[in-house]
Structures are given as C-alpha cells and as structure tokens.
Amino acid sequence: MNQQSTPRVNSNQLGNHIGGIVRLVGTIRSKTDSQAILETADKGQISILLQQGSECKPGVVEILGKVENVGTVREMAVSNFNPDFGNNGIDPDAEIYSEMVQVSEKYKEVF
C-alpha cells in the first residue's frame, strides 16, 4: 500500500511547501465566507482561502490545504476541535506543538 504523508507545518515553514499539501493547526482569528486568518502555533498568521460552504468555525482547527504562497493556503478540508479545547482546563500547549512540528520537518522519515 502506498501512503503519502502530509507534513504538519507552521507559518515559518510554508515557503518549503509551495504547491504542496500540508496540515496546519491553529486558532481562527477572523473569518468571512471566503477567507479566514489562522494563527499558527509559532504565532504566525496565515490567510486560509475557504472552500464554498466551508465548515470552518472560530476556535482551534486543523486545516488540510494546498500552499499557494508563503502566506496563503487553500482549504481542502477542516477539522474543528471541540469548542472547550483551550478553555475549561483543556490547555493546548502551542509551544510544544510548534517544537514537534519543527522536529517532524527535520526527521521526515520518522513522521
């Protein structure tokens, strides 16, 4: 079986993946019908071009998308995290997640 992995990236790594498919985890800071601003774990802000009828909601999300340029990703799919994620004692540690993303980029064969 041939499985291709999809790299998890932060804003500072998008330039290495232009034209490729990536996964971004972050917090939606603003949203219109066609675009959202995602703050990634490394505190960068990315413009997400949303699909028509996107189910992207405010809060923490994972975006699967195609990198258009260093600041823009076109959504292919979205996973909305539980609304309590980041609230009520569930504390996402963005710094640890960001470090994991950096390690996964460095050791691609493991991830």
N, C-alpha and C. Protein backbone atom coordinates (compact mmCIF):
# COMPACT_ATOMS: atom_id res chain seq x y z
N MET A 1 0.85 -1.17 0.00
CA MET A 1 0.00 0.00 0.00
C MET A 1 0.90 1.24 0.00
N ASN A 2 0.62 2.18 -0.87
CA ASN A 2 1.41 3.41 -0.98
C ASN A 2 0.68 4.53 -0.26
N GLN A 3 1.23 4.95 0.86
CA GLN A 3 0.64 6.05 1.61
C GLN A 3 1.60 7.22 1.59
N GLN A 4 1.11 8.36 1.21
CA GLN A 4 1.90 9.57 1.21
C GLN A 4 1.55 10.38 2.44
N SER A 5 2.57 10.78 3.19
CA SER A 5 2.29 11.56 4.40
C SER A 5 2.05 13.02 4.03
N THR A 6 1.31 13.66 4.88
CA THR A 6 1.04 15.09 4.71
C THR A 6 1.75 15.80 5.86
N PRO A 7 2.75 16.63 5.55
CA PRO A 7 3.51 17.26 6.63
C PRO A 7 2.68 18.25 7.44
N ARG A 8 2.92 18.25 8.74
CA ARG A 8 2.36 19.27 9.63
C ARG A 8 3.37 20.41 9.65
N VAL A 9 2.88 21.62 9.44
CA VAL A 9 3.78 22.77 9.35
C VAL A 9 3.24 23.93 10.17
N ASN A 10 4.12 24.88 10.41
CA ASN A 10 3.78 26.17 10.99
C ASN A 10 3.96 27.22 9.91
N SER A 11 3.65 28.45 10.23
CA SER A 11 3.74 29.53 9.24
C SER A 11 5.15 29.69 8.69
N ASN A 12 6.15 29.51 9.52
CA ASN A 12 7.53 29.74 9.08
C ASN A 12 8.05 28.66 8.14
N GLN A 13 7.29 27.60 7.92
CA GLN A 13 7.73 26.51 7.04
C GLN A 13 6.97 26.48 5.71
N LEU A 14 6.00 27.34 5.52
CA LEU A 14 5.19 27.29 4.30
C LEU A 14 6.01 27.47 3.03
N GLY A 15 7.04 28.30 3.08
CA GLY A 15 7.87 28.52 1.90
C GLY A 15 8.52 27.27 1.36
N ASN A 16 8.70 26.27 2.21
CA ASN A 16 9.30 25.00 1.79
C ASN A 16 8.28 24.07 1.14
N HIS A 17 7.01 24.46 1.12
CA HIS A 17 5.95 23.56 0.66
C HIS A 17 5.03 24.20 -0.38
N ILE A 18 5.47 25.26 -1.06
CA ILE A 18 4.62 25.92 -2.06
C ILE A 18 4.21 24.92 -3.13
N GLY A 19 2.91 24.84 -3.37
CA GLY A 19 2.35 23.90 -4.33
C GLY A 19 2.03 22.54 -3.72
N GLY A 20 2.46 22.33 -2.47
CA GLY A 20 2.23 21.05 -1.81
C GLY A 20 1.04 21.08 -0.87
N ILE A 21 0.70 19.91 -0.37
CA ILE A 21 -0.41 19.75 0.57
C ILE A 21 0.17 19.65 1.98
N VAL A 22 -0.39 20.42 2.91
CA VAL A 22 0.11 20.45 4.29
C VAL A 22 -1.06 20.43 5.28
N ARG A 23 -0.71 20.24 6.55
CA ARG A 23 -1.66 20.35 7.66
C ARG A 23 -1.19 21.47 8.59
N LEU A 24 -2.10 22.34 8.95
CA LEU A 24 -1.83 23.45 9.87
C LEU A 24 -2.81 23.38 11.04
N VAL A 25 -2.30 23.48 12.24
CA VAL A 25 -3.16 23.58 13.42
C VAL A 25 -3.01 24.98 13.99
N GLY A 26 -4.11 25.59 14.32
CA GLY A 26 -4.06 26.93 14.89
C GLY A 26 -5.44 27.41 15.30
N THR A 27 -5.49 28.70 15.58
CA THR A 27 -6.73 29.32 16.04
C THR A 27 -7.23 30.30 14.98
N ILE A 28 -8.50 30.18 14.63
CA ILE A 28 -9.11 31.11 13.69
C ILE A 28 -9.29 32.44 14.40
N ARG A 29 -8.64 33.49 13.87
CA ARG A 29 -8.71 34.82 14.48
C ARG A 29 -9.79 35.70 13.85
N SER A 30 -10.07 35.47 12.57
CA SER A 30 -11.17 36.18 11.91
C SER A 30 -11.61 35.34 10.72
N LYS A 31 -12.86 35.57 10.28
CA LYS A 31 -13.40 34.73 9.22
C LYS A 31 -14.49 35.47 8.46
N THR A 32 -14.46 35.32 7.13
CA THR A 32 -15.55 35.74 6.26
C THR A 32 -16.04 34.48 5.54
N ASP A 33 -16.94 34.63 4.60
CA ASP A 33 -17.42 33.46 3.86
C ASP A 33 -16.33 32.82 3.00
N SER A 34 -15.37 33.62 2.56
CA SER A 34 -14.37 33.10 1.63
C SER A 34 -12.95 33.01 2.19
N GLN A 35 -12.70 33.56 3.36
CA GLN A 35 -11.34 33.61 3.88
C GLN A 35 -11.33 33.61 5.40
N ALA A 36 -10.27 33.00 5.97
CA ALA A 36 -10.08 33.04 7.42
C ALA A 36 -8.62 33.37 7.69
N ILE A 37 -8.37 33.96 8.84
CA ILE A 37 -7.00 34.21 9.29
C ILE A 37 -6.73 33.21 10.40
N LEU A 38 -5.71 32.36 10.18
CA LEU A 38 -5.33 31.32 11.13
C LEU A 38 -4.03 31.72 11.81
N GLU A 39 -4.04 31.75 13.15
CA GLU A 39 -2.80 31.97 13.90
C GLU A 39 -2.25 30.60 14.25
N THR A 40 -1.05 30.31 13.75
CA THR A 40 -0.44 29.00 13.96
C THR A 40 0.29 28.95 15.30
N ALA A 41 0.76 27.76 15.66
CA ALA A 41 1.42 27.56 16.95
C ALA A 41 2.66 28.42 17.12
N ASP A 42 3.31 28.80 16.00
CA ASP A 42 4.50 29.66 16.10
C ASP A 42 4.14 31.14 16.06
N LYS A 43 2.85 31.45 16.24
CA LYS A 43 2.31 32.82 16.32
C LYS A 43 2.28 33.54 14.98
N GLY A 44 2.51 32.82 13.88
CA GLY A 44 2.37 33.42 12.56
C GLY A 44 0.92 33.45 12.14
N GLN A 45 0.59 34.32 11.20
CA GLN A 45 -0.78 34.40 10.71
C GLN A 45 -0.80 34.05 9.22
N ILE A 46 -1.72 33.15 8.88
CA ILE A 46 -1.85 32.64 7.53
C ILE A 46 -3.26 32.94 7.03
N SER A 47 -3.35 33.33 5.77
CA SER A 47 -4.65 33.51 5.13
C SER A 47 -5.10 32.16 4.59
N ILE A 48 -6.29 31.73 5.00
CA ILE A 48 -6.85 30.47 4.52
C ILE A 48 -7.97 30.80 3.54
N LEU A 49 -7.82 30.37 2.29
CA LEU A 49 -8.87 30.57 1.29
C LEU A 49 -9.85 29.42 1.46
N LEU A 50 -11.05 29.73 1.91
CA LEU A 50 -12.03 28.72 2.27
C LEU A 50 -12.79 28.20 1.05
N GLN A 51 -13.13 26.92 1.10
CA GLN A 51 -13.99 26.34 0.08
C GLN A 51 -15.39 26.91 0.24
N GLN A 52 -16.15 26.91 -0.84
CA GLN A 52 -17.54 27.33 -0.74
C GLN A 52 -18.25 26.37 0.20
N GLY A 53 -18.97 26.91 1.17
CA GLY A 53 -19.69 26.09 2.14
C GLY A 53 -18.79 25.48 3.21
N SER A 54 -17.61 26.03 3.39
CA SER A 54 -16.66 25.51 4.39
C SER A 54 -17.30 25.41 5.76
N GLU A 55 -16.92 24.37 6.50
CA GLU A 55 -17.42 24.18 7.85
C GLU A 55 -16.45 24.72 8.90
N CYS A 56 -15.50 25.54 8.48
CA CYS A 56 -14.53 26.14 9.39
C CYS A 56 -15.25 27.04 10.38
N LYS A 57 -14.94 26.84 11.67
CA LYS A 57 -15.59 27.61 12.74
C LYS A 57 -14.54 28.33 13.57
N PRO A 58 -14.92 29.38 14.28
CA PRO A 58 -13.98 30.05 15.18
C PRO A 58 -13.46 29.07 16.22
N GLY A 59 -12.23 29.27 16.65
CA GLY A 59 -11.61 28.40 17.64
C GLY A 59 -10.43 27.67 17.04
N VAL A 60 -10.05 26.56 17.68
CA VAL A 60 -8.89 25.79 17.24
C VAL A 60 -9.33 24.81 16.15
N VAL A 61 -8.55 24.78 15.06
CA VAL A 61 -8.86 23.93 13.91
C VAL A 61 -7.59 23.30 13.36
N GLU A 62 -7.79 22.26 12.56
CA GLU A 62 -6.71 21.74 11.71
C GLU A 62 -7.17 21.93 10.28
N ILE A 63 -6.32 22.55 9.48
CA ILE A 63 -6.60 22.79 8.07
C ILE A 63 -5.73 21.87 7.24
N LEU A 64 -6.33 21.14 6.32
CA LEU A 64 -5.61 20.41 5.29
C LEU A 64 -5.75 21.26 4.04
N GLY A 65 -4.63 21.66 3.44
CA GLY A 65 -4.75 22.54 2.30
C GLY A 65 -3.51 22.58 1.44
N LYS A 66 -3.68 23.24 0.30
CA LYS A 66 -2.60 23.42 -0.67
C LYS A 66 -1.97 24.79 -0.45
N VAL A 67 -0.65 24.81 -0.35
CA VAL A 67 0.08 26.06 -0.12
C VAL A 67 0.15 26.84 -1.43
N GLU A 68 -0.49 28.01 -1.45
CA GLU A 68 -0.49 28.89 -2.62
C GLU A 68 0.78 29.74 -2.67
N ASN A 69 1.16 30.28 -1.50
CA ASN A 69 2.37 31.08 -1.37
C ASN A 69 2.74 31.11 0.12
N VAL A 70 3.77 31.87 0.49
CA VAL A 70 4.24 31.83 1.88
C VAL A 70 3.22 32.32 2.90
N GLY A 71 2.16 32.96 2.48
CA GLY A 71 1.18 33.46 3.42
C GLY A 71 -0.23 32.98 3.19
N THR A 72 -0.42 32.06 2.23
CA THR A 72 -1.78 31.65 1.85
C THR A 72 -1.88 30.15 1.62
N VAL A 73 -2.93 29.56 2.18
CA VAL A 73 -3.23 28.14 1.99
C VAL A 73 -4.67 28.03 1.54
N ARG A 74 -4.92 27.20 0.52
CA ARG A 74 -6.27 26.96 0.03
C ARG A 74 -6.82 25.72 0.73
N GLU A 75 -7.91 25.90 1.49
CA GLU A 75 -8.52 24.81 2.25
C GLU A 75 -8.99 23.68 1.35
N MET A 76 -8.66 22.45 1.75
CA MET A 76 -9.21 21.25 1.13
C MET A 76 -10.16 20.56 2.11
N ALA A 77 -9.81 20.64 3.41
CA ALA A 77 -10.64 20.05 4.47
C ALA A 77 -10.32 20.77 5.77
N VAL A 78 -11.26 20.72 6.70
CA VAL A 78 -11.06 21.34 8.01
C VAL A 78 -11.58 20.40 9.08
N SER A 79 -10.87 20.35 10.20
CA SER A 79 -11.34 19.64 11.39
C SER A 79 -11.45 20.67 12.51
N ASN A 80 -12.65 20.89 12.98
CA ASN A 80 -12.88 21.81 14.08
C ASN A 80 -12.67 21.05 15.39
N PHE A 81 -11.84 21.59 16.26
CA PHE A 81 -11.62 20.97 17.56
C PHE A 81 -12.83 21.24 18.46
N ASN A 82 -12.96 20.46 19.50
CA ASN A 82 -14.02 20.65 20.48
C ASN A 82 -13.99 22.10 20.95
N PRO A 83 -15.14 22.77 21.05
CA PRO A 83 -15.16 24.17 21.47
C PRO A 83 -14.52 24.41 22.84
N ASP A 84 -14.45 23.38 23.69
CA ASP A 84 -13.83 23.54 25.01
C ASP A 84 -12.31 23.44 24.94
N PHE A 85 -11.76 23.05 23.80
CA PHE A 85 -10.31 22.95 23.66
C PHE A 85 -9.72 24.34 23.84
N GLY A 86 -8.84 24.49 24.82
CA GLY A 86 -8.28 25.80 25.13
C GLY A 86 -9.05 26.53 26.22
N ASN A 87 -10.17 25.98 26.62
CA ASN A 87 -11.00 26.56 27.69
C ASN A 87 -11.28 25.48 28.72
N ASN A 88 -11.77 25.88 29.85
CA ASN A 88 -12.24 24.93 30.87
C ASN A 88 -11.21 23.87 31.24
N GLY A 89 -9.96 24.27 31.36
CA GLY A 89 -8.95 23.34 31.84
C GLY A 89 -8.27 22.50 30.77
N ILE A 90 -8.76 22.53 29.54
CA ILE A 90 -8.07 21.82 28.46
C ILE A 90 -7.12 22.83 27.84
N ASP A 91 -5.83 22.67 28.12
CA ASP A 91 -4.86 23.69 27.75
C ASP A 91 -3.95 23.21 26.63
N PRO A 92 -4.19 23.63 25.39
CA PRO A 92 -3.28 23.26 24.32
C PRO A 92 -1.96 24.01 24.50
N ASP A 93 -0.88 23.30 24.43
CA ASP A 93 0.42 23.93 24.58
C ASP A 93 1.00 24.17 23.20
N ALA A 94 0.79 25.37 22.69
CA ALA A 94 1.22 25.71 21.34
C ALA A 94 2.74 25.62 21.19
N GLU A 95 3.47 25.94 22.23
CA GLU A 95 4.93 25.88 22.15
C GLU A 95 5.42 24.45 21.94
N ILE A 96 4.85 23.51 22.67
CA ILE A 96 5.25 22.10 22.50
C ILE A 96 4.84 21.61 21.11
N TYR A 97 3.63 21.97 20.67
CA TYR A 97 3.19 21.56 19.33
C TYR A 97 4.13 22.13 18.27
N SER A 98 4.51 23.39 18.41
CA SER A 98 5.41 24.02 17.46
C SER A 98 6.75 23.30 17.41
N GLU A 99 7.27 22.90 18.56
CA GLU A 99 8.53 22.15 18.59
C GLU A 99 8.39 20.80 17.90
N MET A 100 7.25 20.12 18.10
CA MET A 100 7.01 18.85 17.43
C MET A 100 6.98 19.04 15.92
N VAL A 101 6.37 20.11 15.45
CA VAL A 101 6.32 20.38 14.02
C VAL A 101 7.74 20.57 13.47
N GLN A 102 8.58 21.29 14.20
CA GLN A 102 9.95 21.50 13.76
C GLN A 102 10.73 20.19 13.70
N VAL A 103 10.56 19.34 14.70
CA VAL A 103 11.24 18.05 14.72
C VAL A 103 10.74 17.17 13.58
N SER A 104 9.43 17.19 13.30
CA SER A 104 8.90 16.36 12.22
C SER A 104 9.41 16.82 10.86
N GLU A 105 9.69 18.09 10.71
CA GLU A 105 10.25 18.62 9.45
C GLU A 105 11.70 18.16 9.30
N LYS A 106 12.42 18.14 10.41
CA LYS A 106 13.82 17.75 10.39
C LYS A 106 14.01 16.25 10.16
N TYR A 107 13.12 15.43 10.76
CA TYR A 107 13.21 13.97 10.67
C TYR A 107 12.00 13.41 9.93
N LYS A 108 11.86 13.80 8.67
CA LYS A 108 10.69 13.42 7.87
C LYS A 108 10.47 11.92 7.79
N GLU A 109 11.55 11.15 7.78
CA GLU A 109 11.43 9.70 7.63
C GLU A 109 10.75 9.05 8.83
N VAL A 110 10.78 9.69 9.98
CA VAL A 110 10.14 9.15 11.18
C VAL A 110 8.66 9.50 11.19
N PHE A 111 8.32 10.66 10.68
CA PHE A 111 6.95 11.12 10.71
C PHE A 111 6.30 10.86 9.38
